[in-house]
Amino acid sequence: MSEPDVLVVAYGRDGAGAAPWVEALADRVPGLHVQSLNGPVDIARVRYAVTWRHPPGSLTGFPNLKAIFSLGAGVDHLVSDSNLPADVPIVRIVDPDLRDRMSEWVVLHTLIHHRQVRLYDWHQSEKMWVEDPFQPAAGEVRVGVMGLGVLGADATRKLKMIGFDVAGWSRTAKTLDGIETFSGQEGLDRFLARTQILVVLLPLTPETRGILNHSLFSKLARDSYFGGPILLNAGRGGLQNEADILAALDDGILKAATLDVFETEPLPESSPLWHHPAVTITPHNSAISNYGSITGFIAGEIAHLESGGAPRHTVDRQRAY
């Protein structure tokens, strides 16, 4: 009896996080032997790889590899690997659970700023009863979402449902029913000029690296009830220049920032972001990958490929998403 084909899991630089995914996937793909990339591997039997921040170069040398799955919404950890097999499709996760979790985070933190929750937290700590009769309605607040992929489009629609005056921007033109959209460099300045709360869900590419900088912040609308623009970034840490964020907050160019992703993760204890009074930090948990939901998606895609189907939800390596 021949040995089964292999699915390898490469999770983290040291592989320490692979075990739960190996266990979860083993129940979903019974026709495959699932194992960590760290163990002895029969390279000829490897058909699929599932990865999150694998060691660069570790996915080479598998002559029969049919697809590589990214365990997160971002794929920059894959496309930045110059030794990744050029002829193997990269499949990104398209999962309603992950999408909905991200939209929850976006809506939650937009509302926290809109309803001034941090201010009332401080009032409570000081035992101050302060009513504000000038709280604007959601329709009076202009929210802009940068990045209109699966996650960004869903967050944009849900912000619209709550009543915010929401618009979106993407690199290439996108259409969303009932929502104003902008695209390309020519549309970016007009998008920023109308935006009071900026939500960023962009992929990390050579073009977007460091895009959240002093120059961009200075183009945001300054007419909000909050006293200045507000930044929410749950995209990728490499999108933001953290020194520029801090300077913009101190100079009044930004009023506040909520950040879920960082240039270095975990965020170093020495980072001044931890203690800045206008910064809210969440530990890259805006859209935590759910084992059951993600492995179900991967199992479905593998079944599709094994039945002769063409790869779906593949990444354009030139665009890096």
Protein backbone atom coordinates (compact mmCIF):
# COMPACT_ATOMS: atom_id res chain seq x y z
CA MET A 1 0.00 0.00 0.00
CA SER A 2 1.50 3.34 -1.04
CA GLU A 3 2.15 6.08 1.47
CA PRO A 4 -0.33 9.01 1.44
CA ASP A 5 0.55 12.40 0.05
CA VAL A 6 1.72 15.00 2.55
CA LEU A 7 0.50 18.42 3.66
CA VAL A 8 3.19 20.34 5.56
CA VAL A 9 2.52 23.14 8.03
CA ALA A 10 5.14 25.87 8.39
CA TYR A 11 4.10 28.23 11.18
CA GLY A 12 6.57 30.83 12.40
CA ARG A 13 10.30 31.04 12.02
CA ASP A 14 10.82 28.23 14.53
CA GLY A 15 7.69 26.21 13.72
CA ALA A 16 6.52 26.42 17.34
CA GLY A 17 2.96 27.32 16.37
CA ALA A 18 2.42 24.46 13.91
CA ALA A 19 1.03 21.79 16.26
CA PRO A 20 -2.58 23.08 16.64
CA TRP A 21 -2.87 23.53 12.88
CA VAL A 22 -1.49 20.05 12.22
CA GLU A 23 -4.09 18.59 14.57
CA ALA A 24 -6.97 20.64 13.14
CA LEU A 25 -6.07 19.88 9.52
CA ALA A 26 -5.60 16.15 10.14
CA ASP A 27 -9.31 15.90 10.92
CA ARG A 28 -10.25 17.81 7.77
CA VAL A 29 -8.08 16.12 5.12
CA PRO A 30 -8.09 12.41 6.02
CA GLY A 31 -6.56 11.44 2.68
CA LEU A 32 -3.36 13.35 3.44
CA HIS A 33 -0.65 12.92 6.03
CA VAL A 34 -0.40 16.26 7.86
CA GLN A 35 2.84 17.16 9.59
CA SER A 36 4.98 20.08 10.67
CA LEU A 37 7.67 21.21 8.27
CA ASN A 38 10.11 20.90 11.18
CA GLY A 39 10.03 17.11 11.22
CA PRO A 40 11.54 14.66 8.72
CA VAL A 41 9.75 15.16 5.41
CA ASP A 42 9.60 12.89 2.36
CA ILE A 43 9.95 15.72 -0.16
CA ALA A 44 8.52 13.71 -3.08
CA ARG A 45 5.22 13.15 -1.23
CA VAL A 46 4.57 16.80 -0.33
CA ARG A 47 1.58 18.10 -2.31
CA TYR A 48 0.43 21.08 -0.22
CA ALA A 49 1.93 23.59 2.17
CA VAL A 50 0.12 25.70 4.75
CA THR A 51 2.13 28.58 6.10
CA TRP A 52 2.34 31.68 8.24
CA ARG A 53 5.70 33.49 8.33
CA HIS A 54 7.69 30.42 7.34
CA PRO A 55 11.50 30.57 7.30
CA PRO A 56 12.47 32.05 3.90
CA GLY A 57 13.55 29.35 1.47
CA SER A 58 11.96 26.53 3.48
CA LEU A 59 9.29 25.81 0.84
CA THR A 60 11.76 25.03 -1.92
CA GLY A 61 12.79 21.55 -2.99
CA PHE A 62 9.34 19.95 -3.13
CA PRO A 63 9.06 18.70 -6.74
CA ASN A 64 5.36 17.79 -6.55
CA LEU A 65 4.01 20.78 -4.58
CA LYS A 66 0.61 21.78 -6.00
CA ALA A 67 -0.42 24.80 -3.87
CA ILE A 68 0.68 26.98 -0.96
CA PHE A 69 -1.96 28.28 1.46
CA SER A 70 -1.49 31.39 3.57
CA LEU A 71 -3.01 31.07 7.05
CA GLY A 72 -3.72 34.79 7.30
CA ALA A 73 -5.36 37.48 5.23
CA GLY A 74 -1.96 38.96 4.38
CA VAL A 75 0.46 37.28 1.99
CA ASP A 76 3.47 39.60 2.20
CA HIS A 77 5.31 36.96 4.24
CA LEU A 78 5.05 34.70 1.18
CA VAL A 79 5.69 37.02 -1.74
CA SER A 80 8.73 38.47 0.05
CA ASP A 81 10.39 35.04 -0.05
CA SER A 82 12.60 35.26 -3.14
CA ASN A 83 13.10 31.49 -3.05
CA LEU A 84 9.41 30.61 -3.20
CA PRO A 85 8.71 28.17 -6.08
CA ALA A 86 7.72 30.36 -9.00
CA ASP A 87 5.29 27.91 -10.61
CA VAL A 88 3.25 27.00 -7.51
CA PRO A 89 0.00 28.96 -6.93
CA ILE A 90 -0.39 30.86 -3.66
CA VAL A 91 -3.94 30.59 -2.32
CA ARG A 92 -5.22 33.29 0.04
CA ILE A 93 -7.83 32.61 2.67
CA VAL A 94 -11.32 33.82 1.77
CA ASP A 95 -13.32 33.13 4.88
CA PRO A 96 -16.57 34.69 6.16
CA ASP A 97 -15.51 34.28 9.79
CA LEU A 98 -12.24 36.16 9.26
CA ARG A 99 -14.07 38.82 7.20
CA ASP A 100 -16.72 39.33 9.86
CA ARG A 101 -14.18 39.55 12.68
CA MET A 102 -12.32 42.29 10.84
CA SER A 103 -15.51 44.24 10.24
CA GLU A 104 -16.37 43.91 13.94
CA TRP A 105 -13.01 45.48 14.84
CA VAL A 106 -13.44 48.31 12.34
CA VAL A 107 -16.99 49.12 13.44
CA LEU A 108 -16.10 48.84 17.13
CA HIS A 109 -13.17 51.25 17.00
CA THR A 110 -14.88 53.66 14.65
CA LEU A 111 -17.73 53.86 17.14
CA ILE A 112 -15.35 54.22 20.09
CA HIS A 113 -13.99 57.38 18.49
CA HIS A 114 -17.35 58.56 17.19
CA ARG A 115 -19.04 58.22 20.60
CA GLN A 116 -15.94 59.50 22.45
CA VAL A 117 -15.64 56.46 24.69
CA ARG A 118 -12.08 57.31 25.79
CA LEU A 119 -13.23 60.74 26.95
CA TYR A 120 -16.04 59.22 29.01
CA ASP A 121 -13.62 56.66 30.45
CA TRP A 122 -11.60 59.59 31.76
CA HIS A 123 -14.70 61.37 33.02
CA GLN A 124 -15.64 58.23 34.93
CA SER A 125 -12.17 57.93 36.48
CA GLU A 126 -12.49 61.55 37.65
CA LYS A 127 -16.13 61.11 38.76
CA MET A 128 -17.20 63.81 36.32
CA TRP A 129 -20.81 63.94 35.04
CA VAL A 130 -20.45 65.79 31.74
CA GLU A 131 -23.19 65.67 29.14
CA ASP A 132 -22.29 66.66 25.59
CA PRO A 133 -25.31 68.00 23.65
CA PHE A 134 -23.29 68.33 20.43
CA GLN A 135 -22.54 64.66 19.70
CA PRO A 136 -22.80 64.40 15.89
CA ALA A 137 -24.89 61.77 14.16
CA ALA A 138 -23.04 59.06 12.25
CA GLY A 139 -24.20 60.63 8.98
CA GLU A 140 -22.24 63.76 9.87
CA VAL A 141 -18.97 61.84 10.16
CA ARG A 142 -16.96 61.08 7.01
CA VAL A 143 -15.15 57.75 7.21
CA GLY A 144 -12.74 56.63 4.50
CA VAL A 145 -11.61 53.02 4.00
CA MET A 146 -8.31 52.44 2.19
CA GLY A 147 -8.33 49.00 0.59
CA LEU A 148 -11.47 47.53 -0.96
CA GLY A 149 -10.67 43.85 -1.11
CA VAL A 150 -12.90 41.28 0.59
CA LEU A 151 -12.22 42.69 4.07
CA GLY A 152 -12.31 46.38 3.16
CA ALA A 153 -15.46 46.12 1.07
CA ASP A 154 -17.32 44.35 3.86
CA ALA A 155 -16.20 46.85 6.50
CA THR A 156 -17.22 49.71 4.22
CA ARG A 157 -20.72 48.29 3.75
CA LYS A 158 -21.20 47.74 7.48
CA LEU A 159 -20.06 51.27 8.34
CA LYS A 160 -22.58 52.48 5.76
CA MET A 161 -25.34 50.41 7.36
CA ILE A 162 -24.72 52.12 10.70
CA GLY A 163 -25.14 55.46 8.95
CA PHE A 164 -21.64 56.84 8.49
CA ASP A 165 -20.86 58.95 5.43
CA VAL A 166 -18.39 56.39 4.13
CA ALA A 167 -16.21 56.26 1.01
CA GLY A 168 -13.52 53.89 -0.20
CA TRP A 169 -10.20 54.05 -2.01
CA SER A 170 -8.34 51.32 -3.88
CA ARG A 171 -5.39 51.10 -6.23
CA THR A 172 -7.64 50.13 -9.13
CA ALA A 173 -11.26 51.20 -9.66
CA LYS A 174 -13.88 49.34 -7.60
CA THR A 175 -17.66 49.78 -7.45
CA LEU A 176 -19.71 49.37 -4.27
CA ASP A 177 -23.47 49.95 -4.37
CA GLY A 178 -24.41 53.25 -2.78
CA ILE A 179 -20.85 54.09 -1.74
CA GLU A 180 -18.55 56.68 -3.28
CA THR A 181 -15.25 55.19 -4.38
CA PHE A 182 -11.93 56.65 -5.47
CA SER A 183 -8.97 54.97 -7.11
CA GLY A 184 -5.38 55.44 -8.13
CA GLN A 185 -3.03 58.23 -7.27
CA GLU A 186 -5.29 60.79 -8.92
CA GLY A 187 -8.16 59.85 -6.62
CA LEU A 188 -6.14 59.54 -3.43
CA ASP A 189 -5.87 63.24 -2.57
CA ARG A 190 -9.61 63.78 -3.12
CA PHE A 191 -10.37 60.76 -0.95
CA LEU A 192 -8.10 61.98 1.85
CA ALA A 193 -9.48 65.52 1.71
CA ARG A 194 -12.99 64.26 2.59
CA THR A 195 -11.88 61.78 5.27
CA GLN A 196 -12.20 62.50 8.98
CA ILE A 197 -11.70 58.92 10.22
CA LEU A 198 -9.27 56.89 8.10
CA VAL A 199 -9.58 53.09 8.20
CA VAL A 200 -6.68 51.24 6.56
CA LEU A 201 -7.06 47.66 5.31
CA LEU A 202 -4.51 47.73 2.51
CA PRO A 203 -2.23 44.83 1.59
CA LEU A 204 1.49 45.37 2.08
CA THR A 205 3.20 45.82 -1.29
CA PRO A 206 6.26 47.77 -2.44
CA GLU A 207 3.88 50.62 -3.36
CA THR A 208 2.06 50.69 -0.01
CA ARG A 209 5.01 50.19 2.35
CA GLY A 210 5.27 53.26 4.56
CA ILE A 211 2.24 54.93 2.95
CA LEU A 212 0.90 56.00 6.36
CA ASN A 213 3.28 58.89 6.82
CA HIS A 214 3.36 62.62 7.59
CA SER A 215 2.60 63.58 3.99
CA LEU A 216 -0.56 61.45 3.87
CA PHE A 217 -1.78 62.55 7.31
CA SER A 218 -1.45 66.22 6.35
CA LYS A 219 -3.97 65.70 3.50
CA LEU A 220 -6.79 64.44 5.74
CA ALA A 221 -9.84 66.59 6.50
CA ARG A 222 -9.47 68.88 9.49
CA ASP A 223 -13.09 69.94 9.94
CA SER A 224 -14.28 67.15 12.23
CA TYR A 225 -16.06 67.51 15.54
CA PHE A 226 -13.24 65.46 17.09
CA GLY A 227 -10.69 68.22 16.59
CA GLY A 228 -8.63 66.45 13.96
CA PRO A 229 -8.31 63.30 11.82
CA ILE A 230 -8.30 59.83 13.37
CA LEU A 231 -6.30 56.85 12.06
CA LEU A 232 -7.30 53.18 12.36
CA ASN A 233 -4.86 50.64 10.91
CA ALA A 234 -5.64 46.92 10.91
CA GLY A 235 -3.89 46.22 7.60
CA ARG A 236 -0.19 45.52 7.94
CA GLY A 237 2.45 47.04 10.20
CA GLY A 238 4.71 47.82 7.28
CA LEU A 239 2.15 50.29 5.97
CA GLN A 240 2.84 52.73 8.79
CA ASN A 241 5.73 54.98 9.73
CA GLU A 242 5.39 54.93 13.50
CA ALA A 243 7.71 57.87 14.07
CA ASP A 244 5.49 59.92 11.75
CA ILE A 245 2.35 58.78 13.58
CA LEU A 246 3.78 59.93 16.91
CA ALA A 247 4.97 63.23 15.47
CA ALA A 248 1.59 63.85 13.81
CA LEU A 249 -0.21 63.17 17.09
CA ASP A 250 2.08 65.50 19.01
CA ASP A 251 1.77 68.22 16.35
CA GLY A 252 -2.02 67.96 16.16
CA ILE A 253 -2.03 66.72 12.56
CA LEU A 254 -3.70 63.56 13.90
CA LYS A 255 -6.11 63.64 16.82
CA ALA A 256 -5.90 59.94 17.69
CA ALA A 257 -4.79 56.55 16.36
CA THR A 258 -5.97 52.99 16.92
CA LEU A 259 -3.39 50.44 15.78
CA ASP A 260 -3.68 46.66 15.53
CA VAL A 261 -0.47 46.10 13.55
CA PHE A 262 3.08 47.36 13.97
CA GLU A 263 6.44 47.63 12.24
CA THR A 264 7.87 45.15 14.76
CA GLU A 265 5.66 42.54 16.43
CA PRO A 266 5.21 42.01 19.28
CA LEU A 267 5.41 45.76 19.84
CA PRO A 268 8.64 46.34 21.82
CA GLU A 269 8.23 47.46 25.43
CA SER A 270 10.41 50.47 24.59
CA SER A 271 7.94 51.80 22.00
CA PRO A 272 6.46 55.19 22.99
CA LEU A 273 3.20 54.07 21.35
CA TRP A 274 2.40 52.10 24.52
CA HIS A 275 2.11 55.22 26.65
CA HIS A 276 0.86 57.87 24.25
CA PRO A 277 -2.48 59.20 25.52
CA ALA A 278 -3.97 59.41 22.01
CA VAL A 279 -3.05 55.85 20.95
CA THR A 280 -5.14 52.69 21.38
CA ILE A 281 -3.28 49.40 20.86
CA THR A 282 -4.70 45.97 20.08
CA PRO A 283 -2.31 42.99 19.71
CA HIS A 284 -2.86 42.09 16.04
CA ASN A 285 -6.13 40.39 16.95
CA SER A 286 -8.58 42.29 14.73
CA ALA A 287 -9.26 39.13 12.70
CA ILE A 288 -7.89 36.13 14.53
CA SER A 289 -7.75 33.00 12.40
CA ASN A 290 -10.28 30.44 13.62
CA TYR A 291 -8.96 26.88 13.37
CA GLY A 292 -12.24 25.28 12.36
CA SER A 293 -13.24 27.89 9.82
CA ILE A 294 -9.82 28.27 8.18
CA THR A 295 -9.10 24.54 7.99
CA GLY A 296 -12.54 23.98 6.51
CA PHE A 297 -11.73 26.44 3.75
CA ILE A 298 -8.35 24.80 3.07
CA ALA A 299 -9.92 21.33 2.99
CA GLY A 300 -12.52 22.53 0.50
CA GLU A 301 -9.90 24.03 -1.77
CA ILE A 302 -7.78 20.87 -1.64
CA ALA A 303 -10.82 18.75 -2.53
CA HIS A 304 -11.47 21.10 -5.45
CA LEU A 305 -7.89 20.73 -6.69
CA GLU A 306 -7.86 16.96 -6.20
CA SER A 307 -11.01 16.68 -8.32
CA GLY A 308 -9.21 18.41 -11.18
CA GLY A 309 -10.35 21.98 -10.54
CA ALA A 310 -8.16 25.00 -11.23
CA PRO A 311 -6.74 26.93 -8.26
CA ARG A 312 -9.07 29.63 -6.88
CA HIS A 313 -8.42 32.75 -4.80
CA THR A 314 -4.86 32.88 -6.05
CA VAL A 315 -2.42 35.71 -5.34
CA ASP A 316 -1.02 37.90 -8.10
CA ARG A 317 2.66 37.87 -7.20
CA GLN A 318 3.35 41.07 -9.14
CA ARG A 319 0.70 42.98 -7.19
CA ALA A 320 1.53 41.10 -3.94
CA TYR A 321 -2.15 40.40 -3.14
